[in-house]
C-alpha atoms as a PDB file:
ATOM      1  CA  MET A   1       0.000   0.000   0.000  1.00  0.00           C
ATOM      2  CA  SER A   2       1.359   3.453  -0.911  1.00  0.00           C
ATOM      3  CA  ILE A   3       1.583   6.257   1.644  1.00  0.00           C
ATOM      4  CA  ILE A   4      -1.212   8.119  -0.187  1.00  0.00           C
ATOM      5  CA  GLN A   5      -3.517   5.073  -0.042  1.00  0.00           C
ATOM      6  CA  GLU A   6      -2.727   4.709   3.652  1.00  0.00           C
ATOM      7  CA  ILE A   7      -3.520   8.391   4.272  1.00  0.00           C
ATOM      8  CA  MET A   8      -6.788   8.170   2.336  1.00  0.00           C
ATOM      9  CA  GLU A   9      -7.909   5.048   4.221  1.00  0.00           C
ATOM     10  CA  THR A  10      -7.060   6.645   7.559  1.00  0.00           C
ATOM     11  CA  ASN A  11      -8.908   9.804   6.539  1.00  0.00           C
ATOM     12  CA  HIS A  12     -11.977   7.829   5.507  1.00  0.00           C
ATOM     13  CA  SER A  13     -12.143   6.237   8.971  1.00  0.00           C
ATOM     14  CA  PHE A  14     -11.413   9.569  10.679  1.00  0.00           C
ATOM     15  CA  VAL A  15     -14.321  11.292   8.927  1.00  0.00           C
ATOM     16  CA  ASN A  16     -16.778   8.368   9.208  1.00  0.00           C
ATOM     17  CA  GLN A  17     -16.110   8.019  12.950  1.00  0.00           C
ATOM     18  CA  LYS A  18     -16.528  11.814  13.357  1.00  0.00           C
ATOM     19  CA  ASN A  19     -13.121  12.109  15.049  1.00  0.00           C
ATOM     20  CA  TYR A  20     -12.896  15.657  13.656  1.00  0.00           C
ATOM     21  CA  GLN A  21     -15.380  16.848  16.290  1.00  0.00           C
ATOM     22  CA  ALA A  22     -12.634  16.958  18.943  1.00  0.00           C
ATOM     23  CA  PHE A  23     -10.715  19.500  16.834  1.00  0.00           C
ATOM     24  CA  GLN A  24     -13.464  21.922  15.838  1.00  0.00           C
ATOM     25  CA  THR A  25     -12.640  25.563  16.464  1.00  0.00           C
ATOM     26  CA  SER A  26     -12.753  28.900  14.639  1.00  0.00           C
ATOM     27  CA  LYS A  27     -10.151  30.286  12.230  1.00  0.00           C
ATOM     28  CA  TYR A  28      -9.120  32.905  14.822  1.00  0.00           C
ATOM     29  CA  PRO A  29      -6.338  31.925  17.251  1.00  0.00           C
ATOM     30  CA  ASP A  30      -7.746  31.719  20.796  1.00  0.00           C
ATOM     31  CA  LYS A  31      -4.431  32.801  22.351  1.00  0.00           C
ATOM     32  CA  LYS A  32      -4.050  35.525  19.693  1.00  0.00           C
ATOM     33  CA  ILE A  33      -0.553  34.387  18.703  1.00  0.00           C
ATOM     34  CA  VAL A  34       1.131  33.502  15.445  1.00  0.00           C
ATOM     35  CA  ILE A  35       4.149  31.192  15.633  1.00  0.00           C
ATOM     36  CA  LEU A  36       6.885  30.836  13.037  1.00  0.00           C
ATOM     37  CA  THR A  37       8.780  27.610  13.612  1.00  0.00           C
ATOM     38  CA  CYS A  38      10.815  24.977  11.812  1.00  0.00           C
ATOM     39  CA  MET A  39       9.364  22.151   9.742  1.00  0.00           C
ATOM     40  CA  ASP A  40      11.459  19.619  11.711  1.00  0.00           C
ATOM     41  CA  THR A  41       9.496  16.392  12.242  1.00  0.00           C
ATOM     42  CA  ARG A  42      10.430  16.281  15.935  1.00  0.00           C
ATOM     43  CA  LEU A  43       8.408  19.440  16.568  1.00  0.00           C
ATOM     44  CA  LEU A  44       5.134  18.281  15.011  1.00  0.00           C
ATOM     45  CA  GLU A  45       3.531  17.319  18.328  1.00  0.00           C
ATOM     46  CA  LEU A  46       6.289  18.275  20.767  1.00  0.00           C
ATOM     47  CA  LEU A  47       6.169  22.044  20.228  1.00  0.00           C
ATOM     48  CA  PRO A  48       2.435  22.539  20.892  1.00  0.00           C
ATOM     49  CA  LYS A  49       2.598  20.222  23.927  1.00  0.00           C
ATOM     50  CA  ALA A  50       5.686  21.994  25.298  1.00  0.00           C
ATOM     51  CA  MET A  51       3.857  25.327  24.962  1.00  0.00           C
ATOM     52  CA  GLY A  52       0.537  24.068  26.324  1.00  0.00           C
ATOM     53  CA  LEU A  53      -1.252  24.728  23.041  1.00  0.00           C
ATOM     54  CA  LYS A  54      -4.316  22.933  21.773  1.00  0.00           C
ATOM     55  CA  ASN A  55      -6.064  23.019  18.422  1.00  0.00           C
ATOM     56  CA  GLY A  56      -7.312  26.531  17.747  1.00  0.00           C
ATOM     57  CA  ASP A  57      -4.884  28.341  20.081  1.00  0.00           C
ATOM     58  CA  ALA A  58      -2.373  29.645  17.521  1.00  0.00           C
ATOM     59  CA  LYS A  59      -1.593  30.202  13.877  1.00  0.00           C
ATOM     60  CA  ILE A  60       1.511  28.139  13.086  1.00  0.00           C
ATOM     61  CA  ILE A  61       3.730  28.855  10.076  1.00  0.00           C
ATOM     62  CA  LYS A  62       6.535  26.406   9.292  1.00  0.00           C
ATOM     63  CA  ASN A  63       9.574  26.521   7.054  1.00  0.00           C
ATOM     64  CA  ALA A  64      13.163  25.293   7.059  1.00  0.00           C
ATOM     65  CA  GLY A  65      14.889  26.887  10.057  1.00  0.00           C
ATOM     66  CA  ALA A  66      12.043  29.196  11.184  1.00  0.00           C
ATOM     67  CA  VAL A  67      13.651  31.914   9.074  1.00  0.00           C
ATOM     68  CA  VAL A  68      12.198  35.103   7.609  1.00  0.00           C
ATOM     69  CA  SER A  69      14.606  35.396   4.691  1.00  0.00           C
ATOM     70  CA  HIS A  70      12.859  38.173   2.795  1.00  0.00           C
ATOM     71  CA  PRO A  71      10.741  41.058   4.129  1.00  0.00           C
ATOM     72  CA  PHE A  72       8.280  40.659   1.249  1.00  0.00           C
ATOM     73  CA  GLY A  73       8.161  36.886   0.952  1.00  0.00           C
ATOM     74  CA  SER A  74       5.366  34.460   1.811  1.00  0.00           C
ATOM     75  CA  ILE A  75       6.409  34.035   5.463  1.00  0.00           C
ATOM     76  CA  MET A  76       6.141  37.742   6.248  1.00  0.00           C
ATOM     77  CA  ARG A  77       2.906  37.952   4.277  1.00  0.00           C
ATOM     78  CA  SER A  78       1.454  35.097   6.371  1.00  0.00           C
ATOM     79  CA  ILE A  79       2.439  36.848   9.605  1.00  0.00           C
ATOM     80  CA  LEU A  80       0.772  40.065   8.461  1.00  0.00           C
ATOM     81  CA  VAL A  81      -2.378  38.189   7.404  1.00  0.00           C
ATOM     82  CA  ALA A  82      -2.484  36.535  10.852  1.00  0.00           C
ATOM     83  CA  ILE A  83      -2.306  39.982  12.486  1.00  0.00           C
ATOM     84  CA  TYR A  84      -4.581  42.023  10.259  1.00  0.00           C
ATOM     85  CA  GLY A  85      -6.975  39.345   9.045  1.00  0.00           C
ATOM     86  CA  LEU A  86      -7.071  36.790  11.852  1.00  0.00           C
ATOM     87  CA  LYS A  87      -6.698  38.862  15.036  1.00  0.00           C
ATOM     88  CA  ALA A  88      -3.260  37.677  16.188  1.00  0.00           C
ATOM     89  CA  GLU A  89      -1.683  40.125  18.637  1.00  0.00           C
ATOM     90  CA  GLU A  90       1.747  38.589  19.253  1.00  0.00           C
ATOM     91  CA  VAL A  91       4.378  36.835  17.152  1.00  0.00           C
ATOM     92  CA  ILE A  92       6.740  34.109  18.387  1.00  0.00           C
ATOM     93  CA  VAL A  93       9.687  32.896  16.294  1.00  0.00           C
ATOM     94  CA  ILE A  94      10.853  29.466  17.518  1.00  0.00           C
ATOM     95  CA  GLY A  95      14.025  27.838  16.244  1.00  0.00           C
ATOM     96  CA  HIS A  96      15.477  24.618  17.623  1.00  0.00           C
ATOM     97  CA  HIS A  97      18.777  23.045  18.567  1.00  0.00           C
ATOM     98  CA  GLY A  98      20.148  20.535  16.074  1.00  0.00           C
ATOM     99  CA  CYS A  99      18.499  22.291  13.126  1.00  0.00           C
ATOM    100  CA  GLY A 100      19.430  21.062   9.655  1.00  0.00           C
ATOM    101  CA  MET A 101      19.865  24.665   8.519  1.00  0.00           C
ATOM    102  CA  VAL A 102      22.872  25.140  10.822  1.00  0.00           C
ATOM    103  CA  GLY A 103      25.922  25.119   8.601  1.00  0.00           C
ATOM    104  CA  LEU A 104      23.913  24.349   5.457  1.00  0.00           C
ATOM    105  CA  GLU A 105      26.021  25.091   2.382  1.00  0.00           C
ATOM    106  CA  PRO A 106      24.382  25.774  -0.989  1.00  0.00           C
ATOM    107  CA  ALA A 107      26.859  23.504  -2.766  1.00  0.00           C
ATOM    108  CA  SER A 108      25.490  20.438  -0.945  1.00  0.00           C
ATOM    109  CA  ILE A 109      21.922  21.223  -2.066  1.00  0.00           C
ATOM    110  CA  LEU A 110      23.004  21.952  -5.646  1.00  0.00           C
ATOM    111  CA  ASP A 111      25.081  18.750  -5.770  1.00  0.00           C
ATOM    112  CA  ALA A 112      22.081  16.757  -4.507  1.00  0.00           C
ATOM    113  CA  ALA A 113      19.869  18.433  -7.131  1.00  0.00           C
ATOM    114  CA  LYS A 114      22.323  17.431  -9.879  1.00  0.00           C
ATOM    115  CA  GLN A 115      22.463  13.854  -8.552  1.00  0.00           C
ATOM    116  CA  ASN A 116      18.667  13.801  -8.816  1.00  0.00           C
ATOM    117  CA  GLY A 117      18.669  14.797 -12.475  1.00  0.00           C
ATOM    118  CA  VAL A 118      18.594  18.616 -12.365  1.00  0.00           C
ATOM    119  CA  SER A 119      20.892  19.795 -15.142  1.00  0.00           C
ATOM    120  CA  GLU A 120      23.560  22.465 -14.824  1.00  0.00           C
ATOM    121  CA  ALA A 121      21.654  24.352 -17.545  1.00  0.00           C
ATOM    122  CA  ARG A 122      18.559  24.598 -15.322  1.00  0.00           C
ATOM    123  CA  ILE A 123      20.666  25.910 -12.453  1.00  0.00           C
ATOM    124  CA  ASP A 124      22.295  28.418 -14.823  1.00  0.00           C
ATOM    125  CA  THR A 125      18.810  29.593 -15.852  1.00  0.00           C
ATOM    126  CA  LEU A 126      18.184  30.676 -12.255  1.00  0.00           C
ATOM    127  CA  VAL A 127      21.518  32.447 -12.041  1.00  0.00           C
ATOM    128  CA  ASN A 128      20.930  34.179 -15.393  1.00  0.00           C
ATOM    129  CA  ALA A 129      17.516  35.352 -14.115  1.00  0.00           C
ATOM    130  CA  GLY A 130      19.300  37.228 -11.335  1.00  0.00           C
ATOM    131  CA  ILE A 131      18.557  34.777  -8.514  1.00  0.00           C
ATOM    132  CA  ASP A 132      21.408  34.495  -6.038  1.00  0.00           C
ATOM    133  CA  VAL A 133      21.042  30.745  -5.565  1.00  0.00           C
ATOM    134  CA  SER A 134      23.961  30.580  -3.136  1.00  0.00           C
ATOM    135  CA  LYS A 135      22.420  33.158  -0.808  1.00  0.00           C
ATOM    136  CA  TRP A 136      18.955  31.628  -1.151  1.00  0.00           C
ATOM    137  CA  LEU A 137      20.182  28.137  -0.189  1.00  0.00           C
ATOM    138  CA  THR A 138      22.533  29.190   2.622  1.00  0.00           C
ATOM    139  CA  GLY A 139      21.724  28.212   6.192  1.00  0.00           C
ATOM    140  CA  PHE A 140      22.969  29.860   9.362  1.00  0.00           C
ATOM    141  CA  GLN A 141      25.680  29.237  11.965  1.00  0.00           C
ATOM    142  CA  CYS A 142      23.848  29.972  15.219  1.00  0.00           C
ATOM    143  CA  VAL A 143      20.164  29.231  15.844  1.00  0.00           C
ATOM    144  CA  GLU A 144      19.845  31.913  18.545  1.00  0.00           C
ATOM    145  CA  LYS A 145      21.281  34.570  16.235  1.00  0.00           C
ATOM    146  CA  SER A 146      19.050  33.416  13.383  1.00  0.00           C
ATOM    147  CA  VAL A 147      15.957  33.703  15.607  1.00  0.00           C
ATOM    148  CA  GLU A 148      17.049  37.182  16.735  1.00  0.00           C
ATOM    149  CA  ASN A 149      17.534  38.229  13.088  1.00  0.00           C
ATOM    150  CA  SER A 150      14.046  37.044  12.149  1.00  0.00           C
ATOM    151  CA  VAL A 151      12.554  38.799  15.196  1.00  0.00           C
ATOM    152  CA  GLN A 152      14.213  42.073  14.168  1.00  0.00           C
ATOM    153  CA  LEU A 153      13.095  41.727  10.553  1.00  0.00           C
ATOM    154  CA  ILE A 154       9.493  41.183  11.674  1.00  0.00           C
ATOM    155  CA  LYS A 155       9.534  43.995  14.246  1.00  0.00           C
ATOM    156  CA  ASN A 156      11.041  46.490  11.815  1.00  0.00           C
ATOM    157  CA  HIS A 157       8.794  45.619   8.878  1.00  0.00           C
ATOM    158  CA  PRO A 158       7.083  48.776   7.564  1.00  0.00           C
ATOM    159  CA  LEU A 159       3.641  47.140   7.826  1.00  0.00           C
ATOM    160  CA  MET A 160       4.133  45.801  11.371  1.00  0.00           C
ATOM    161  CA  PRO A 161       2.207  47.802  13.988  1.00  0.00           C
ATOM    162  CA  ASP A 162       4.220  48.980  17.000  1.00  0.00           C
ATOM    163  CA  LYS A 163       1.780  47.396  19.467  1.00  0.00           C
ATOM    164  CA  ILE A 164       2.605  43.838  18.333  1.00  0.00           C
ATOM    165  CA  ALA A 165       5.078  42.056  20.629  1.00  0.00           C
ATOM    166  CA  VAL A 166       7.569  39.892  18.719  1.00  0.00           C
ATOM    167  CA  HIS A 167       9.345  37.208  20.752  1.00  0.00           C
ATOM    168  CA  GLY A 168      12.084  34.707  19.944  1.00  0.00           C
ATOM    169  CA  MET A 169      12.640  31.267  21.465  1.00  0.00           C
ATOM    170  CA  VAL A 170      14.731  28.169  20.897  1.00  0.00           C
ATOM    171  CA  ILE A 171      13.361  24.729  21.756  1.00  0.00           C
ATOM    172  CA  CYS A 172      15.283  21.546  22.542  1.00  0.00           C
ATOM    173  CA  PRO A 173      13.818  18.857  20.243  1.00  0.00           C
ATOM    174  CA  GLU A 174      14.668  16.126  22.751  1.00  0.00           C
ATOM    175  CA  THR A 175      13.136  17.583  25.926  1.00  0.00           C
ATOM    176  CA  GLY A 176      10.834  20.385  24.762  1.00  0.00           C
ATOM    177  CA  LYS A 177      12.647  22.931  26.948  1.00  0.00           C
ATOM    178  CA  LEU A 178      12.161  26.481  25.658  1.00  0.00           C
ATOM    179  CA  ASP A 179      14.775  29.235  26.026  1.00  0.00           C
ATOM    180  CA  LEU A 180      13.686  32.841  25.544  1.00  0.00           C
ATOM    181  CA  VAL A 181      16.164  34.689  23.307  1.00  0.00           C
ATOM    182  CA  ALA A 182      14.100  37.793  22.497  1.00  0.00           C
ATOM    183  CA  ASP A 183      11.468  39.138  24.883  1.00  0.00           C
ATOM    184  CA  GLY A 184       8.959  41.279  22.995  1.00  0.00           C
ATOM    185  CA  TYR A 185       7.840  42.783  26.302  1.00  0.00           C
ATOM    186  CA  SER A 186      11.314  43.853  27.413  1.00  0.00           C
ATOM    187  CA  HIS A 187      12.096  47.462  28.267  1.00  0.00           C
ATOM    188  CA  ASP A 188      14.711  47.711  25.485  1.00  0.00           C
ATOM    189  CA  ASP A 189      12.179  46.544  22.900  1.00  0.00           C
ATOM    190  CA  LEU A 190       9.589  49.020  24.169  1.00  0.00           C
ATOM    191  CA  LYS A 191      12.171  51.823  24.015  1.00  0.00           C
ATOM    192  CA  LYS A 192      13.027  50.929  20.394  1.00  0.00           C
ATOM    193  CA  THR A 193       9.335  50.995  19.518  1.00  0.00           C
ATOM    194  CA  GLU A 194       8.927  54.401  21.114  1.00  0.00           C
ATOM    195  CA  GLN A 195      11.915  55.740  19.162  1.00  0.00           C
ATOM    196  CA  LEU A 196      10.528  54.375  15.879  1.00  0.00           C
ATOM    197  CA  SER A 197       7.163  56.037  16.469  1.00  0.00           C
ATOM    198  CA  MET A 198       8.683  59.493  17.177  1.00  0.00           C
END
């Protein structure tokens, strides 16, 4: 049986047994938070449990490394939609120890692409179109610093309202322990916001 057949069979039982009823909620996050975190498989259930979240509590956005890499990309757009369209009032960026983006080099991704049949000509097409593939595929060296960078990019976005607290955390994927690396309520952050609004 293929994975898709397995998923469809499981879904059929899930719907017929009305198991969805336990998860019914509105589209608005009850805790009024939007979380940007990593797509790491270890965080799928661990992160919400470690934060005490249940279905309906938060908007959760996932990508490789919990990184906002562009101020006008889809991640930032999703955060803004959560705030302006879905009533989120705080943002939390959560990276994790042992992230696959730490030390990621573009050459390893490009080599793997070539080994999987992507031609050098296709890669050159991207480069010729002005896409800096090396920068786009580069990871980071320190998860705490990466989280701080994403927090600053979100906080300083021209469409981000000053009243929105933006926090940064790092989670241990083995224990679920959270470390706060950027406190959106801190005095320094409030002072920066005041200076920006003057």
